[in-house]
């Protein structure tokens, strides 16, 4: 589930939007991503930013 949520966040560039689409709260989504980072040995937090188009 963690990887699927990560993909939603990356695709929509929004934790709130991804949480809404996956029917999970934003705090639950953030916690899931943090756990995934720990499992993968990530040393940095995810930074997804909207870019100018």
N, C-alpha and C. Protein backbone atom coordinates (compact mmCIF):
# COMPACT_ATOMS: atom_id res chain seq x y z
N UNK A 1 0.82 -1.19 0.00
CA UNK A 1 0.00 0.00 0.00
C UNK A 1 0.87 1.27 0.00
N UNK A 2 2.00 1.23 0.69
CA UNK A 2 2.86 2.39 0.77
C UNK A 2 3.34 2.87 -0.59
N UNK A 3 3.74 1.95 -1.43
CA UNK A 3 4.24 2.32 -2.75
C UNK A 3 3.12 2.90 -3.61
N UNK A 4 1.94 2.33 -3.50
CA UNK A 4 0.80 2.85 -4.25
C UNK A 4 0.48 4.28 -3.82
N UNK A 5 0.53 4.53 -2.52
CA UNK A 5 0.28 5.89 -2.02
C UNK A 5 1.36 6.86 -2.48
N UNK A 6 2.60 6.39 -2.46
CA UNK A 6 3.70 7.22 -2.95
C UNK A 6 3.47 7.62 -4.40
N UNK A 7 3.06 6.67 -5.21
CA UNK A 7 2.80 6.94 -6.63
C UNK A 7 1.68 7.98 -6.80
N UNK A 8 0.64 7.89 -5.97
CA UNK A 8 -0.44 8.87 -6.03
C UNK A 8 0.06 10.27 -5.67
N UNK A 9 0.86 10.36 -4.61
CA UNK A 9 1.41 11.65 -4.20
C UNK A 9 2.28 12.23 -5.32
N UNK A 10 3.13 11.41 -5.90
CA UNK A 10 4.01 11.87 -6.96
C UNK A 10 3.22 12.31 -8.19
N UNK A 11 2.20 11.54 -8.54
CA UNK A 11 1.41 11.86 -9.73
C UNK A 11 0.61 13.16 -9.55
N UNK A 12 0.00 13.32 -8.39
CA UNK A 12 -0.87 14.47 -8.14
C UNK A 12 -0.14 15.64 -7.48
N UNK A 13 1.10 15.39 -7.04
CA UNK A 13 1.92 16.41 -6.38
C UNK A 13 1.21 17.04 -5.20
N UNK A 14 0.45 16.19 -4.50
CA UNK A 14 -0.32 16.70 -3.36
C UNK A 14 -0.64 15.55 -2.42
N UNK A 15 -0.22 15.70 -1.16
CA UNK A 15 -0.58 14.69 -0.16
C UNK A 15 -2.08 14.70 0.08
N UNK A 16 -2.69 15.87 0.10
CA UNK A 16 -4.13 15.97 0.35
C UNK A 16 -4.94 15.30 -0.76
N UNK A 17 -4.60 15.60 -2.00
CA UNK A 17 -5.30 15.00 -3.14
C UNK A 17 -5.12 13.48 -3.17
N UNK A 18 -3.90 13.02 -2.95
CA UNK A 18 -3.63 11.58 -2.94
C UNK A 18 -4.41 10.90 -1.82
N UNK A 19 -4.44 11.52 -0.64
CA UNK A 19 -5.20 10.95 0.47
C UNK A 19 -6.67 10.87 0.16
N UNK A 20 -7.20 11.92 -0.46
CA UNK A 20 -8.61 11.93 -0.84
C UNK A 20 -8.91 10.80 -1.83
N UNK A 21 -8.08 10.66 -2.83
CA UNK A 21 -8.29 9.62 -3.85
C UNK A 21 -8.16 8.20 -3.28
N UNK A 22 -7.28 8.04 -2.29
CA UNK A 22 -7.05 6.72 -1.70
C UNK A 22 -7.95 6.46 -0.48
N UNK A 23 -8.79 7.45 -0.15
CA UNK A 23 -9.68 7.35 1.01
C UNK A 23 -8.94 7.15 2.32
N UNK A 24 -7.83 7.88 2.47
CA UNK A 24 -7.09 7.88 3.74
C UNK A 24 -6.85 9.33 4.13
N UNK A 25 -6.74 9.57 5.43
CA UNK A 25 -6.50 10.94 5.89
C UNK A 25 -5.08 11.36 5.55
N UNK A 26 -4.87 12.67 5.47
CA UNK A 26 -3.54 13.19 5.15
C UNK A 26 -2.51 12.77 6.20
N UNK A 27 -2.85 12.81 7.52
CA UNK A 27 -1.86 12.34 8.51
C UNK A 27 -1.51 10.85 8.34
N UNK A 28 -2.49 10.03 8.00
CA UNK A 28 -2.23 8.61 7.76
C UNK A 28 -1.34 8.43 6.55
N UNK A 29 -1.61 9.20 5.50
CA UNK A 29 -0.79 9.14 4.29
C UNK A 29 0.64 9.55 4.59
N UNK A 30 0.82 10.63 5.33
CA UNK A 30 2.17 11.10 5.68
C UNK A 30 2.92 10.05 6.50
N UNK A 31 2.23 9.44 7.44
CA UNK A 31 2.84 8.40 8.27
C UNK A 31 3.25 7.20 7.42
N UNK A 32 2.39 6.81 6.48
CA UNK A 32 2.69 5.68 5.60
C UNK A 32 3.91 5.97 4.74
N UNK A 33 4.01 7.19 4.21
CA UNK A 33 5.17 7.57 3.39
C UNK A 33 6.44 7.56 4.25
N UNK A 34 6.33 8.08 5.48
CA UNK A 34 7.49 8.09 6.39
C UNK A 34 7.97 6.66 6.68
N UNK A 35 7.02 5.73 6.89
CA UNK A 35 7.38 4.32 7.12
C UNK A 35 8.05 3.73 5.88
N UNK A 36 7.54 4.05 4.71
CA UNK A 36 8.12 3.56 3.46
C UNK A 36 9.54 4.08 3.31
N UNK A 37 9.75 5.35 3.62
CA UNK A 37 11.10 5.92 3.57
C UNK A 37 12.05 5.16 4.49
N UNK A 38 11.56 4.82 5.69
CA UNK A 38 12.38 4.06 6.63
C UNK A 38 12.72 2.68 6.11
N UNK A 39 11.74 2.02 5.49
CA UNK A 39 11.97 0.68 4.95
C UNK A 39 12.97 0.71 3.81
N UNK A 40 12.96 1.79 3.05
CA UNK A 40 13.86 1.90 1.90
C UNK A 40 15.21 2.52 2.27
N UNK A 41 15.34 2.93 3.53
CA UNK A 41 16.59 3.52 3.97
C UNK A 41 16.79 4.93 3.45
N UNK A 42 15.68 5.62 3.21
CA UNK A 42 15.76 6.99 2.71
C UNK A 42 16.40 7.89 3.75
N UNK A 43 17.30 8.75 3.31
CA UNK A 43 17.96 9.68 4.21
C UNK A 43 17.34 11.06 4.15
N UNK A 44 16.47 11.28 3.20
CA UNK A 44 15.83 12.58 3.03
C UNK A 44 14.33 12.40 2.98
N UNK A 45 13.63 13.44 3.36
CA UNK A 45 12.17 13.44 3.23
C UNK A 45 11.81 13.74 1.79
N UNK A 46 10.63 13.35 1.42
CA UNK A 46 10.15 13.59 0.08
C UNK A 46 9.81 15.06 -0.07
N UNK A 47 10.20 15.64 -1.16
CA UNK A 47 9.85 17.03 -1.47
C UNK A 47 9.24 17.05 -2.85
N UNK A 48 7.93 17.14 -2.90
CA UNK A 48 7.23 17.20 -4.17
C UNK A 48 6.65 18.60 -4.28
N UNK A 49 7.05 19.30 -5.31
CA UNK A 49 6.62 20.68 -5.49
C UNK A 49 5.96 20.86 -6.84
N UNK A 50 4.98 21.71 -6.86
CA UNK A 50 4.36 22.06 -8.14
C UNK A 50 5.35 22.91 -8.92
N UNK A 51 5.39 22.70 -10.20
CA UNK A 51 6.30 23.48 -11.05
C UNK A 51 5.48 24.38 -11.96
N UNK A 52 6.09 25.44 -12.41
CA UNK A 52 5.43 26.33 -13.36
C UNK A 52 5.28 25.62 -14.68
N UNK A 53 4.17 25.85 -15.31
CA UNK A 53 3.94 25.19 -16.61
C UNK A 53 3.76 26.19 -17.69
